[in-house]
Amino acid sequence: MSADLVCSAKGCRQAATWALLWNNPELHTPDRRKVWLACDTHRETLGDFLSVRGFLKDTVPSDEIPRDSR
């Protein structure tokens, strides 16, 4: 895990341990992956937000973010 990766949750400054890979099919090609970073506390809530919209594609440890998603 890189020390410069910070959780994407509003107001959170914790180190990110998870990467939520997502895309909005109305805006992105099917193979495109955007990344939200999450600490252990916010992994579920950020994932739920993306899942409800059908955007969440995968969740991986932050040190396994695919190169093409960075």
C-alpha atoms as a PDB file:
ATOM      1  CA  MET A   1       0.000   0.000   0.000  1.00  0.00           C
ATOM      2  CA  SER A   2       1.274   3.418  -0.891  1.00  0.00           C
ATOM      3  CA  ALA A   3       1.210   6.048   1.855  1.00  0.00           C
ATOM      4  CA  ASP A   4      -0.053   8.675  -0.611  1.00  0.00           C
ATOM      5  CA  LEU A   5      -3.311   6.803  -1.343  1.00  0.00           C
ATOM      6  CA  VAL A   6      -6.132   8.397   0.637  1.00  0.00           C
ATOM      7  CA  CYS A   7      -9.726   7.217   1.011  1.00  0.00           C
ATOM      8  CA  SER A   8     -12.182   8.838  -1.430  1.00  0.00           C
ATOM      9  CA  ALA A   9     -14.979   9.157   1.160  1.00  0.00           C
ATOM     10  CA  LYS A  10     -15.874  12.776   1.843  1.00  0.00           C
ATOM     11  CA  GLY A  11     -13.812  14.143   4.730  1.00  0.00           C
ATOM     12  CA  CYS A  12     -11.869  10.910   5.292  1.00  0.00           C
ATOM     13  CA  ARG A  13      -8.083  11.209   5.407  1.00  0.00           C
ATOM     14  CA  GLN A  14      -7.330   7.565   6.227  1.00  0.00           C
ATOM     15  CA  ALA A  15      -4.940   5.529   4.111  1.00  0.00           C
ATOM     16  CA  ALA A  16      -6.691   3.650   1.326  1.00  0.00           C
ATOM     17  CA  THR A  17      -6.444  -0.122   1.549  1.00  0.00           C
ATOM     18  CA  TRP A  18      -8.996  -0.881  -1.195  1.00  0.00           C
ATOM     19  CA  ALA A  19      -9.588   0.172  -4.791  1.00  0.00           C
ATOM     20  CA  LEU A  20     -13.141   0.104  -6.113  1.00  0.00           C
ATOM     21  CA  LEU A  21     -13.039  -0.227  -9.889  1.00  0.00           C
ATOM     22  CA  TRP A  22     -16.087   1.131 -11.642  1.00  0.00           C
ATOM     23  CA  ASN A  23     -17.488   2.682 -14.775  1.00  0.00           C
ATOM     24  CA  ASN A  24     -20.615   4.514 -15.830  1.00  0.00           C
ATOM     25  CA  PRO A  25     -21.813   2.707 -18.968  1.00  0.00           C
ATOM     26  CA  GLU A  26     -23.481   5.893 -20.206  1.00  0.00           C
ATOM     27  CA  LEU A  27     -20.132   7.716 -20.202  1.00  0.00           C
ATOM     28  CA  HIS A  28     -17.373   5.103 -20.457  1.00  0.00           C
ATOM     29  CA  THR A  29     -16.492   2.263 -22.791  1.00  0.00           C
ATOM     30  CA  PRO A  30     -17.100  -1.183 -21.235  1.00  0.00           C
ATOM     31  CA  ASP A  31     -13.380  -1.820 -20.643  1.00  0.00           C
ATOM     32  CA  ARG A  32     -12.713   1.554 -18.956  1.00  0.00           C
ATOM     33  CA  ARG A  33     -12.216   1.466 -15.180  1.00  0.00           C
ATOM     34  CA  LYS A  34     -12.335   4.481 -12.912  1.00  0.00           C
ATOM     35  CA  VAL A  35     -10.997   4.096  -9.360  1.00  0.00           C
ATOM     36  CA  TRP A  36     -12.322   5.161  -6.002  1.00  0.00           C
ATOM     37  CA  LEU A  37     -10.029   4.478  -3.068  1.00  0.00           C
ATOM     38  CA  ALA A  38     -11.404   3.263   0.259  1.00  0.00           C
ATOM     39  CA  CYS A  39     -10.167   2.673   3.775  1.00  0.00           C
ATOM     40  CA  ASP A  40     -11.478  -0.386   5.629  1.00  0.00           C
ATOM     41  CA  THR A  41     -14.223   1.726   7.234  1.00  0.00           C
ATOM     42  CA  HIS A  42     -15.630   3.110   3.964  1.00  0.00           C
ATOM     43  CA  ARG A  43     -15.157   0.118   1.645  1.00  0.00           C
ATOM     44  CA  GLU A  44     -18.729  -1.087   2.114  1.00  0.00           C
ATOM     45  CA  THR A  45     -20.512   2.280   1.902  1.00  0.00           C
ATOM     46  CA  LEU A  46     -18.605   3.413  -1.197  1.00  0.00           C
ATOM     47  CA  GLY A  47     -19.131  -0.008  -2.766  1.00  0.00           C
ATOM     48  CA  ASP A  48     -22.854   0.100  -1.999  1.00  0.00           C
ATOM     49  CA  PHE A  49     -23.151   3.555  -3.587  1.00  0.00           C
ATOM     50  CA  LEU A  50     -21.560   2.282  -6.808  1.00  0.00           C
ATOM     51  CA  SER A  51     -23.400  -1.058  -6.768  1.00  0.00           C
ATOM     52  CA  VAL A  52     -26.866   0.485  -6.457  1.00  0.00           C
ATOM     53  CA  ARG A  53     -26.150   2.393  -9.676  1.00  0.00           C
ATOM     54  CA  GLY A  54     -24.727  -0.675 -11.428  1.00  0.00           C
ATOM     55  CA  PHE A  55     -21.289   0.948 -11.694  1.00  0.00           C
ATOM     56  CA  LEU A  56     -19.104  -1.278  -9.455  1.00  0.00           C
ATOM     57  CA  LYS A  57     -17.070  -3.776 -11.463  1.00  0.00           C
ATOM     58  CA  ASP A  58     -14.462  -5.036  -8.974  1.00  0.00           C
ATOM     59  CA  THR A  59     -12.848  -4.395  -5.593  1.00  0.00           C
ATOM     60  CA  VAL A  60      -9.155  -5.114  -5.136  1.00  0.00           C
ATOM     61  CA  PRO A  61      -6.505  -4.298  -2.530  1.00  0.00           C
ATOM     62  CA  SER A  62      -5.050  -0.842  -3.209  1.00  0.00           C
ATOM     63  CA  ASP A  63      -1.644  -2.304  -4.040  1.00  0.00           C
ATOM     64  CA  GLU A  64      -3.247  -4.302  -6.881  1.00  0.00           C
ATOM     65  CA  ILE A  65      -4.787  -1.414  -8.827  1.00  0.00           C
ATOM     66  CA  PRO A  66      -4.475  -2.319 -12.519  1.00  0.00           C
ATOM     67  CA  ARG A  67      -1.990  -0.093 -14.330  1.00  0.00           C
ATOM     68  CA  ASP A  68      -4.556   0.979 -16.928  1.00  0.00           C
ATOM     69  CA  SER A  69      -6.830   2.289 -14.142  1.00  0.00           C
ATOM     70  CA  ARG A  70      -4.329   4.689 -12.595  1.00  0.00           C
END
